[in-house]
Amino acid sequence: MAAQPIDRDVKPEWRDALVDLLFQLADDDLLVAFRGSEWLGLAPHVEEDVALSSLAQDEMGHAAMYFGLLESLGLGSRDDLAHLRPVAERRNAIMVELKNGPGTYLEQPHYDWAFTIARAFCYDVMESLRLERLKSSSYVPLRDVARKISGEEKYHLLHHQIWIRRMALDPDAKTRLQAAFHRVAQDAGDLGSTGAHTAILEESGLLPDASGLTRAWQDQVQEFLSLQGLSWTPVRETSTGRLGKHTKDLEDALDTLSEVYRSDPLARW
């Protein structure tokens, strides 16, 4: 859909970079929310079941805010943007789309709790770094959303840090957690990437220091893990998911996530 900029804060030469960035932010949070919601009724204990559901609800709300900004730019309704776009148009990082483990929610869900915690922690660190930069974005609506979201994200990160500290005290759990971080590192190369518009994002101030995200993220992850006696495998930055290249896990996730909406897109939700 060809859309004209309707927000006075958007300069024409910034528009493509801003739209791509907003899709990255929205798609990341949408998938994080979905994968978290798949633990409903399956988490290690009832308190965590409630906690993880709450965190997933937060992330879905954050995704809705980003999709709302895209709607305000004339890209279409935020519900359509979330549910009807094909896989090739998705801009989320590969790491966030991966399944929680073997099976499905309804059929033999042998999910990996260590992987879920390792992935969530790595994502929360990146999100906290991005939000700090976005709180100074030259695009005022995005700056306002980042400032609103950042308070909640502090508690998300703290929640997963507590889990890592707890699991690192048990030899078996620590071994599983170390393996999970190794797996996360294998698929996290595009998490800090901002795709094809990094230079414009920095020059325009839409996302200050976009090119420094991966380095800052790895430093923070490695520092925390070392304190728990865990190691981190450095990743090489790629742009795979940011350019629309994804795994079958994303296709399966979208089929489930959007099944009801796709059944009647004209319905009022």
C-alpha atoms as a PDB file:
ATOM      1  CA  MET A   1       0.000   0.000   0.000  1.00  0.00           C
ATOM      2  CA  ALA A   2       1.449   3.385  -0.973  1.00  0.00           C
ATOM      3  CA  ALA A   3       1.010   5.683   1.981  1.00  0.00           C
ATOM      4  CA  GLN A   4       1.691   9.386   2.320  1.00  0.00           C
ATOM      5  CA  PRO A   5       3.313  10.723   5.476  1.00  0.00           C
ATOM      6  CA  ILE A   6       0.676  12.418   7.613  1.00  0.00           C
ATOM      7  CA  ASP A   7       2.811  13.182  10.649  1.00  0.00           C
ATOM      8  CA  ARG A   8       4.696  16.475  10.606  1.00  0.00           C
ATOM      9  CA  ASP A   9       7.562  14.862  12.558  1.00  0.00           C
ATOM     10  CA  VAL A  10       8.363  12.562   9.619  1.00  0.00           C
ATOM     11  CA  LYS A  11      10.626  13.960   6.929  1.00  0.00           C
ATOM     12  CA  PRO A  12      10.196  12.231   3.547  1.00  0.00           C
ATOM     13  CA  GLU A  13      13.810  11.048   3.493  1.00  0.00           C
ATOM     14  CA  TRP A  14      13.324   9.449   6.920  1.00  0.00           C
ATOM     15  CA  ARG A  15      10.074   7.710   6.166  1.00  0.00           C
ATOM     16  CA  ASP A  16      11.310   4.348   4.868  1.00  0.00           C
ATOM     17  CA  ALA A  17      13.797   4.011   7.712  1.00  0.00           C
ATOM     18  CA  LEU A  18      11.174   4.897  10.315  1.00  0.00           C
ATOM     19  CA  VAL A  19       8.582   2.481   8.913  1.00  0.00           C
ATOM     20  CA  ASP A  20      11.116  -0.359   8.797  1.00  0.00           C
ATOM     21  CA  LEU A  21      12.205   0.354  12.367  1.00  0.00           C
ATOM     22  CA  LEU A  22       8.621   0.386  13.635  1.00  0.00           C
ATOM     23  CA  PHE A  23       7.945  -2.953  11.969  1.00  0.00           C
ATOM     24  CA  GLN A  24      11.061  -4.397  13.625  1.00  0.00           C
ATOM     25  CA  LEU A  25       9.935  -3.198  17.048  1.00  0.00           C
ATOM     26  CA  ALA A  26       6.323  -4.302  16.584  1.00  0.00           C
ATOM     27  CA  ASP A  27       7.122  -7.698  15.091  1.00  0.00           C
ATOM     28  CA  ASP A  28       9.707  -8.475  17.779  1.00  0.00           C
ATOM     29  CA  ASP A  29       7.297  -7.762  20.612  1.00  0.00           C
ATOM     30  CA  LEU A  30       4.432  -9.577  18.891  1.00  0.00           C
ATOM     31  CA  LEU A  31       6.440 -12.808  18.651  1.00  0.00           C
ATOM     32  CA  VAL A  32       7.885 -12.466  22.154  1.00  0.00           C
ATOM     33  CA  ALA A  33       4.330 -12.103  23.457  1.00  0.00           C
ATOM     34  CA  PHE A  34       3.118 -15.123  21.523  1.00  0.00           C
ATOM     35  CA  ARG A  35       5.934 -17.422  22.632  1.00  0.00           C
ATOM     36  CA  GLY A  36       5.447 -16.318  26.222  1.00  0.00           C
ATOM     37  CA  SER A  37       1.700 -16.953  26.037  1.00  0.00           C
ATOM     38  CA  GLU A  38       2.366 -20.551  24.997  1.00  0.00           C
ATOM     39  CA  TRP A  39       3.477 -21.290  28.564  1.00  0.00           C
ATOM     40  CA  LEU A  40      -0.023 -20.641  29.921  1.00  0.00           C
ATOM     41  CA  GLY A  41      -0.792 -23.634  32.123  1.00  0.00           C
ATOM     42  CA  LEU A  42       2.633 -25.158  31.456  1.00  0.00           C
ATOM     43  CA  ALA A  43       5.007 -22.985  33.508  1.00  0.00           C
ATOM     44  CA  PRO A  44       6.978 -24.610  36.376  1.00  0.00           C
ATOM     45  CA  HIS A  45       4.522 -23.403  39.035  1.00  0.00           C
ATOM     46  CA  VAL A  46       1.298 -21.448  39.253  1.00  0.00           C
ATOM     47  CA  GLU A  47       2.928 -18.171  40.338  1.00  0.00           C
ATOM     48  CA  GLU A  48       5.159 -18.240  37.275  1.00  0.00           C
ATOM     49  CA  ASP A  49       2.185 -19.141  35.115  1.00  0.00           C
ATOM     50  CA  VAL A  50       0.534 -15.896  36.186  1.00  0.00           C
ATOM     51  CA  ALA A  51       3.759 -13.878  35.943  1.00  0.00           C
ATOM     52  CA  LEU A  52       4.682 -15.032  32.460  1.00  0.00           C
ATOM     53  CA  SER A  53       1.147 -14.449  31.209  1.00  0.00           C
ATOM     54  CA  SER A  54       1.361 -10.903  32.545  1.00  0.00           C
ATOM     55  CA  LEU A  55       4.693 -10.299  30.827  1.00  0.00           C
ATOM     56  CA  ALA A  56       3.291 -11.639  27.550  1.00  0.00           C
ATOM     57  CA  GLN A  57       0.310  -9.318  27.878  1.00  0.00           C
ATOM     58  CA  ASP A  58       2.681  -6.378  28.383  1.00  0.00           C
ATOM     59  CA  GLU A  59       4.628  -7.265  25.245  1.00  0.00           C
ATOM     60  CA  MET A  60       1.444  -7.607  23.209  1.00  0.00           C
ATOM     61  CA  GLY A  61       0.424  -4.161  24.407  1.00  0.00           C
ATOM     62  CA  HIS A  62       3.803  -2.764  23.374  1.00  0.00           C
ATOM     63  CA  ALA A  63       3.466  -4.335  19.929  1.00  0.00           C
ATOM     64  CA  ALA A  64       0.026  -2.739  19.614  1.00  0.00           C
ATOM     65  CA  MET A  65       1.534   0.681  20.354  1.00  0.00           C
ATOM     66  CA  TYR A  66       4.130   0.288  17.609  1.00  0.00           C
ATOM     67  CA  PHE A  67       1.531  -0.984  15.140  1.00  0.00           C
ATOM     68  CA  GLY A  68      -0.574   2.007  16.151  1.00  0.00           C
ATOM     69  CA  LEU A  69       2.257   4.346  15.117  1.00  0.00           C
ATOM     70  CA  LEU A  70       2.389   2.587  11.748  1.00  0.00           C
ATOM     71  CA  GLU A  71      -1.365   3.040  11.422  1.00  0.00           C
ATOM     72  CA  SER A  72      -0.956   6.756  12.095  1.00  0.00           C
ATOM     73  CA  LEU A  73       1.508   6.896   9.203  1.00  0.00           C
ATOM     74  CA  GLY A  74      -1.114   5.518   6.824  1.00  0.00           C
ATOM     75  CA  LEU A  75       0.140   1.919   6.562  1.00  0.00           C
ATOM     76  CA  GLY A  76      -3.269   0.382   7.351  1.00  0.00           C
ATOM     77  CA  SER A  77      -5.066  -0.736  10.498  1.00  0.00           C
ATOM     78  CA  ARG A  78      -2.848  -1.987  13.289  1.00  0.00           C
ATOM     79  CA  ASP A  79      -4.807  -5.255  13.508  1.00  0.00           C
ATOM     80  CA  ASP A  80      -4.287  -5.946   9.800  1.00  0.00           C
ATOM     81  CA  LEU A  81      -0.602  -5.118  10.115  1.00  0.00           C
ATOM     82  CA  ALA A  82      -0.228  -7.541  13.004  1.00  0.00           C
ATOM     83  CA  HIS A  83      -2.209 -10.430  11.524  1.00  0.00           C
ATOM     84  CA  LEU A  84      -2.371 -10.283   7.732  1.00  0.00           C
ATOM     85  CA  ARG A  85       1.148  -9.495   6.551  1.00  0.00           C
ATOM     86  CA  PRO A  86       2.954 -12.469   4.936  1.00  0.00           C
ATOM     87  CA  VAL A  87       6.104 -13.990   6.404  1.00  0.00           C
ATOM     88  CA  ALA A  88       8.371 -12.227   3.897  1.00  0.00           C
ATOM     89  CA  GLU A  89       7.206  -8.837   5.168  1.00  0.00           C
ATOM     90  CA  ARG A  90       7.933  -9.605   8.811  1.00  0.00           C
ATOM     91  CA  ARG A  91      10.930  -7.824  10.301  1.00  0.00           C
ATOM     92  CA  ASN A  92      11.365  -9.603  13.649  1.00  0.00           C
ATOM     93  CA  ALA A  93      14.680 -11.162  14.667  1.00  0.00           C
ATOM     94  CA  ILE A  94      15.041 -14.899  14.133  1.00  0.00           C
ATOM     95  CA  MET A  95      15.616 -15.594  17.826  1.00  0.00           C
ATOM     96  CA  VAL A  96      12.166 -14.449  18.922  1.00  0.00           C
ATOM     97  CA  GLU A  97      10.255 -16.604  16.421  1.00  0.00           C
ATOM     98  CA  LEU A  98      11.796 -19.952  17.414  1.00  0.00           C
ATOM     99  CA  LYS A  99       9.605 -22.543  19.102  1.00  0.00           C
ATOM    100  CA  ASN A 100       9.829 -22.999  22.862  1.00  0.00           C
ATOM    101  CA  GLY A 101      10.674 -26.638  22.281  1.00  0.00           C
ATOM    102  CA  PRO A 102       9.341 -29.859  20.720  1.00  0.00           C
ATOM    103  CA  GLY A 103       5.631 -30.331  20.224  1.00  0.00           C
ATOM    104  CA  THR A 104       2.862 -27.759  20.125  1.00  0.00           C
ATOM    105  CA  TYR A 105       0.732 -26.174  22.816  1.00  0.00           C
ATOM    106  CA  LEU A 106      -2.087 -28.671  22.209  1.00  0.00           C
ATOM    107  CA  GLU A 107      -0.007 -31.723  21.306  1.00  0.00           C
ATOM    108  CA  GLN A 108       2.867 -32.949  23.504  1.00  0.00           C
ATOM    109  CA  PRO A 109       4.339 -29.549  24.431  1.00  0.00           C
ATOM    110  CA  HIS A 110       7.767 -30.638  25.675  1.00  0.00           C
ATOM    111  CA  TYR A 111       8.982 -27.081  26.005  1.00  0.00           C
ATOM    112  CA  ASP A 112      12.439 -26.061  27.221  1.00  0.00           C
ATOM    113  CA  TRP A 113      12.188 -23.750  30.226  1.00  0.00           C
ATOM    114  CA  ALA A 114      15.929 -23.007  30.224  1.00  0.00           C
ATOM    115  CA  PHE A 115      15.744 -21.871  26.581  1.00  0.00           C
ATOM    116  CA  THR A 116      12.717 -19.709  27.335  1.00  0.00           C
ATOM    117  CA  ILE A 117      14.512 -17.950  30.186  1.00  0.00           C
ATOM    118  CA  ALA A 118      17.773 -17.543  28.260  1.00  0.00           C
ATOM    119  CA  ARG A 119      15.982 -16.095  25.243  1.00  0.00           C
ATOM    120  CA  ALA A 120      13.794 -13.805  27.324  1.00  0.00           C
ATOM    121  CA  PHE A 121      16.796 -12.455  29.225  1.00  0.00           C
ATOM    122  CA  CYS A 122      18.754 -11.788  26.022  1.00  0.00           C
ATOM    123  CA  TYR A 123      15.755 -10.081  24.476  1.00  0.00           C
ATOM    124  CA  ASP A 124      15.077  -7.979  27.565  1.00  0.00           C
ATOM    125  CA  VAL A 125      18.674  -6.728  27.609  1.00  0.00           C
ATOM    126  CA  MET A 126      18.427  -5.707  23.956  1.00  0.00           C
ATOM    127  CA  GLU A 127      15.036  -4.118  24.461  1.00  0.00           C
ATOM    128  CA  SER A 128      16.265  -2.076  27.416  1.00  0.00           C
ATOM    129  CA  LEU A 129      19.183  -0.789  25.320  1.00  0.00           C
ATOM    130  CA  ARG A 130      16.952   0.078  22.368  1.00  0.00           C
ATOM    131  CA  LEU A 131      14.428   1.847  24.561  1.00  0.00           C
ATOM    132  CA  GLU A 132      17.098   3.990  26.203  1.00  0.00           C
ATOM    133  CA  ARG A 133      18.120   5.180  22.746  1.00  0.00           C
ATOM    134  CA  LEU A 134      14.537   5.584  21.561  1.00  0.00           C
ATOM    135  CA  LYS A 135      13.738   7.784  24.555  1.00  0.00           C
ATOM    136  CA  SER A 136      15.880  10.377  22.729  1.00  0.00           C
ATOM    137  CA  SER A 137      14.450   9.668  19.254  1.00  0.00           C
ATOM    138  CA  SER A 138      13.891  12.613  16.937  1.00  0.00           C
ATOM    139  CA  TYR A 139      10.451  11.173  16.153  1.00  0.00           C
ATOM    140  CA  VAL A 140       8.330  12.446  19.020  1.00  0.00           C
ATOM    141  CA  PRO A 141       5.544   9.802  18.940  1.00  0.00           C
ATOM    142  CA  LEU A 142       8.132   7.013  19.091  1.00  0.00           C
ATOM    143  CA  ARG A 143       9.999   8.808  21.856  1.00  0.00           C
ATOM    144  CA  ASP A 144       6.785   9.036  23.871  1.00  0.00           C
ATOM    145  CA  VAL A 145       6.003   5.333  23.425  1.00  0.00           C
ATOM    146  CA  ALA A 146       9.548   4.348  24.443  1.00  0.00           C
ATOM    147  CA  ARG A 147       9.314   6.386  27.620  1.00  0.00           C
ATOM    148  CA  LYS A 148       5.983   4.788  28.472  1.00  0.00           C
ATOM    149  CA  ILE A 149       7.217   1.242  27.823  1.00  0.00           C
ATOM    150  CA  SER A 150      10.642   1.451  29.472  1.00  0.00           C
ATOM    151  CA  GLY A 151       9.257   1.385  33.020  1.00  0.00           C
ATOM    152  CA  GLU A 152       7.582  -1.980  32.460  1.00  0.00           C
ATOM    153  CA  GLU A 153      10.596  -3.455  30.718  1.00  0.00           C
ATOM    154  CA  LYS A 154      12.793  -2.892  33.770  1.00  0.00           C
ATOM    155  CA  TYR A 155      10.649  -5.395  35.666  1.00  0.00           C
ATOM    156  CA  HIS A 156      10.711  -7.858  32.772  1.00  0.00           C
ATOM    157  CA  LEU A 157      14.506  -7.893  32.845  1.00  0.00           C
ATOM    158  CA  LEU A 158      14.610  -8.187  36.622  1.00  0.00           C
ATOM    159  CA  HIS A 159      12.207 -11.141  36.496  1.00  0.00           C
ATOM    160  CA  HIS A 160      14.419 -13.129  34.159  1.00  0.00           C
ATOM    161  CA  GLN A 161      17.606 -12.177  35.974  1.00  0.00           C
ATOM    162  CA  ILE A 162      16.132 -13.680  39.140  1.00  0.00           C
ATOM    163  CA  TRP A 163      15.371 -16.913  37.285  1.00  0.00           C
ATOM    164  CA  ILE A 164      18.922 -17.134  35.959  1.00  0.00           C
ATOM    165  CA  ARG A 165      20.428 -16.572  39.413  1.00  0.00           C
ATOM    166  CA  ARG A 166      18.152 -19.236  40.860  1.00  0.00           C
ATOM    167  CA  MET A 167      18.855 -21.801  38.146  1.00  0.00           C
ATOM    168  CA  ALA A 168      22.608 -21.193  38.304  1.00  0.00           C
ATOM    169  CA  LEU A 169      22.611 -22.464  41.908  1.00  0.00           C
ATOM    170  CA  ASP A 170      21.504 -25.951  40.871  1.00  0.00           C
ATOM    171  CA  PRO A 171      24.101 -28.022  38.938  1.00  0.00           C
ATOM    172  CA  ASP A 172      21.617 -29.687  36.604  1.00  0.00           C
ATOM    173  CA  ALA A 173      19.661 -26.501  35.928  1.00  0.00           C
ATOM    174  CA  LYS A 174      22.901 -24.615  35.363  1.00  0.00           C
ATOM    175  CA  THR A 175      24.024 -27.155  32.761  1.00  0.00           C
ATOM    176  CA  ARG A 176      20.701 -26.842  30.947  1.00  0.00           C
ATOM    177  CA  LEU A 177      20.872 -23.067  31.141  1.00  0.00           C
ATOM    178  CA  GLN A 178      24.384 -22.970  29.721  1.00  0.00           C
ATOM    179  CA  ALA A 179      23.279 -25.128  26.793  1.00  0.00           C
ATOM    180  CA  ALA A 180      20.300 -22.826  26.278  1.00  0.00           C
ATOM    181  CA  PHE A 181      22.480 -19.719  26.099  1.00  0.00           C
ATOM    182  CA  HIS A 182      24.693 -21.454  23.561  1.00  0.00           C
ATOM    183  CA  ARG A 183      21.621 -22.192  21.461  1.00  0.00           C
ATOM    184  CA  VAL A 184      20.333 -18.630  21.785  1.00  0.00           C
ATOM    185  CA  ALA A 185      23.696 -17.263  20.645  1.00  0.00           C
ATOM    186  CA  GLN A 186      23.513 -19.345  17.479  1.00  0.00           C
ATOM    187  CA  ASP A 187      20.300 -17.602  16.393  1.00  0.00           C
ATOM    188  CA  ALA A 188      20.740 -14.107  17.820  1.00  0.00           C
ATOM    189  CA  GLY A 189      22.910 -12.535  15.146  1.00  0.00           C
ATOM    190  CA  ASP A 190      20.181 -10.246  13.825  1.00  0.00           C
ATOM    191  CA  LEU A 191      18.755  -9.157  17.169  1.00  0.00           C
ATOM    192  CA  GLY A 192      20.833  -5.977  17.262  1.00  0.00           C
ATOM    193  CA  SER A 193      20.618  -5.330  13.548  1.00  0.00           C
ATOM    194  CA  THR A 194      18.443  -2.530  12.214  1.00  0.00           C
ATOM    195  CA  GLY A 195      18.407  -3.821   8.662  1.00  0.00           C
ATOM    196  CA  ALA A 196      19.137  -1.701   5.614  1.00  0.00           C
ATOM    197  CA  HIS A 197      18.605   1.742   7.153  1.00  0.00           C
ATOM    198  CA  THR A 198      21.086   1.884  10.034  1.00  0.00           C
ATOM    199  CA  ALA A 199      22.981   4.914   8.706  1.00  0.00           C
ATOM    200  CA  ILE A 200      19.781   6.912   8.190  1.00  0.00           C
ATOM    201  CA  LEU A 201      18.457   5.949  11.616  1.00  0.00           C
ATOM    202  CA  GLU A 202      21.612   7.336  13.216  1.00  0.00           C
ATOM    203  CA  GLU A 203      21.949  10.440  11.037  1.00  0.00           C
ATOM    204  CA  SER A 204      18.307  11.393  11.507  1.00  0.00           C
ATOM    205  CA  GLY A 205      18.316  10.685  15.232  1.00  0.00           C
ATOM    206  CA  LEU A 206      15.406   8.272  14.870  1.00  0.00           C
ATOM    207  CA  LEU A 207      17.482   5.645  16.704  1.00  0.00           C
ATOM    208  CA  PRO A 208      20.692   7.132  18.125  1.00  0.00           C
ATOM    209  CA  ASP A 209      23.749   4.844  18.064  1.00  0.00           C
ATOM    210  CA  ALA A 210      21.866   2.116  16.202  1.00  0.00           C
ATOM    211  CA  SER A 211      25.141   0.575  15.026  1.00  0.00           C
ATOM    212  CA  GLY A 212      26.360   0.133  18.608  1.00  0.00           C
ATOM    213  CA  LEU A 213      23.452  -1.997  19.805  1.00  0.00           C
ATOM    214  CA  THR A 214      24.985  -5.430  19.252  1.00  0.00           C
ATOM    215  CA  ARG A 215      28.262  -4.554  20.938  1.00  0.00           C
ATOM    216  CA  ALA A 216      26.573  -2.976  23.965  1.00  0.00           C
ATOM    217  CA  TRP A 217      24.148  -5.900  24.219  1.00  0.00           C
ATOM    218  CA  GLN A 218      26.846  -8.560  24.154  1.00  0.00           C
ATOM    219  CA  ASP A 219      28.903  -6.712  26.761  1.00  0.00           C
ATOM    220  CA  GLN A 220      25.933  -6.512  29.124  1.00  0.00           C
ATOM    221  CA  VAL A 221      24.870 -10.132  28.601  1.00  0.00           C
ATOM    222  CA  GLN A 222      28.390 -11.441  29.068  1.00  0.00           C
ATOM    223  CA  GLU A 223      28.963  -9.386  32.217  1.00  0.00           C
ATOM    224  CA  PHE A 224      25.809 -10.673  33.895  1.00  0.00           C
ATOM    225  CA  LEU A 225      26.359 -14.299  32.904  1.00  0.00           C
ATOM    226  CA  SER A 226      29.947 -14.302  34.120  1.00  0.00           C
ATOM    227  CA  LEU A 227      28.745 -13.315  37.578  1.00  0.00           C
ATOM    228  CA  GLN A 228      26.593 -16.469  37.597  1.00  0.00           C
ATOM    229  CA  GLY A 229      29.440 -18.703  36.417  1.00  0.00           C
ATOM    230  CA  LEU A 230      27.989 -18.920  32.902  1.00  0.00           C
ATOM    231  CA  SER A 231      29.675 -18.175  29.598  1.00  0.00           C
ATOM    232  CA  TRP A 232      28.468 -16.387  26.498  1.00  0.00           C
ATOM    233  CA  THR A 233      29.346 -17.222  22.895  1.00  0.00           C
ATOM    234  CA  PRO A 234      29.913 -13.967  20.952  1.00  0.00           C
ATOM    235  CA  VAL A 235      27.690 -13.575  17.890  1.00  0.00           C
ATOM    236  CA  ARG A 236      28.402 -12.077  14.499  1.00  0.00           C
ATOM    237  CA  GLU A 237      25.800  -9.504  13.488  1.00  0.00           C
ATOM    238  CA  THR A 238      23.584 -10.401  10.527  1.00  0.00           C
ATOM    239  CA  SER A 239      20.397  -8.889   9.114  1.00  0.00           C
ATOM    240  CA  THR A 240      18.476 -12.049   8.245  1.00  0.00           C
ATOM    241  CA  GLY A 241      15.135 -11.529   9.996  1.00  0.00           C
ATOM    242  CA  ARG A 242      15.304  -7.769   9.500  1.00  0.00           C
ATOM    243  CA  LEU A 243      15.313  -8.415   5.740  1.00  0.00           C
ATOM    244  CA  GLY A 244      12.356 -10.813   5.804  1.00  0.00           C
ATOM    245  CA  LYS A 245      14.204 -14.141   5.794  1.00  0.00           C
ATOM    246  CA  HIS A 246      12.678 -16.418   8.424  1.00  0.00           C
ATOM    247  CA  THR A 247      12.274 -19.998   9.621  1.00  0.00           C
ATOM    248  CA  LYS A 248       9.227 -22.230   9.354  1.00  0.00           C
ATOM    249  CA  ASP A 249       8.686 -21.575  13.067  1.00  0.00           C
ATOM    250  CA  LEU A 250       7.469 -18.093  12.178  1.00  0.00           C
ATOM    251  CA  GLU A 251       5.025 -19.415   9.600  1.00  0.00           C
ATOM    252  CA  ASP A 252       3.607 -21.853  12.142  1.00  0.00           C
ATOM    253  CA  ALA A 253       3.408 -19.165  14.813  1.00  0.00           C
ATOM    254  CA  LEU A 254       1.506 -16.774  12.560  1.00  0.00           C
ATOM    255  CA  ASP A 255      -0.907 -19.519  11.509  1.00  0.00           C
ATOM    256  CA  THR A 256      -1.830 -20.013  15.169  1.00  0.00           C
ATOM    257  CA  LEU A 257      -1.595 -16.404  16.308  1.00  0.00           C
ATOM    258  CA  SER A 258      -3.779 -15.052  13.499  1.00  0.00           C
ATOM    259  CA  GLU A 259      -6.149 -17.969  12.912  1.00  0.00           C
ATOM    260  CA  VAL A 260      -9.199 -16.343  14.476  1.00  0.00           C
ATOM    261  CA  TYR A 261      -8.548 -12.910  12.969  1.00  0.00           C
ATOM    262  CA  ARG A 262      -7.993 -14.332   9.492  1.00  0.00           C
ATOM    263  CA  SER A 263     -11.278 -16.226   9.738  1.00  0.00           C
ATOM    264  CA  ASP A 264     -13.138 -12.899   9.483  1.00  0.00           C
ATOM    265  CA  PRO A 265     -10.858  -9.858   8.974  1.00  0.00           C
ATOM    266  CA  LEU A 266     -13.896  -7.604   8.530  1.00  0.00           C
ATOM    267  CA  ALA A 267     -15.236  -8.348  11.997  1.00  0.00           C
ATOM    268  CA  ARG A 268     -14.899  -5.700  14.694  1.00  0.00           C
ATOM    269  CA  TRP A 269     -12.396  -6.864  17.314  1.00  0.00           C
END
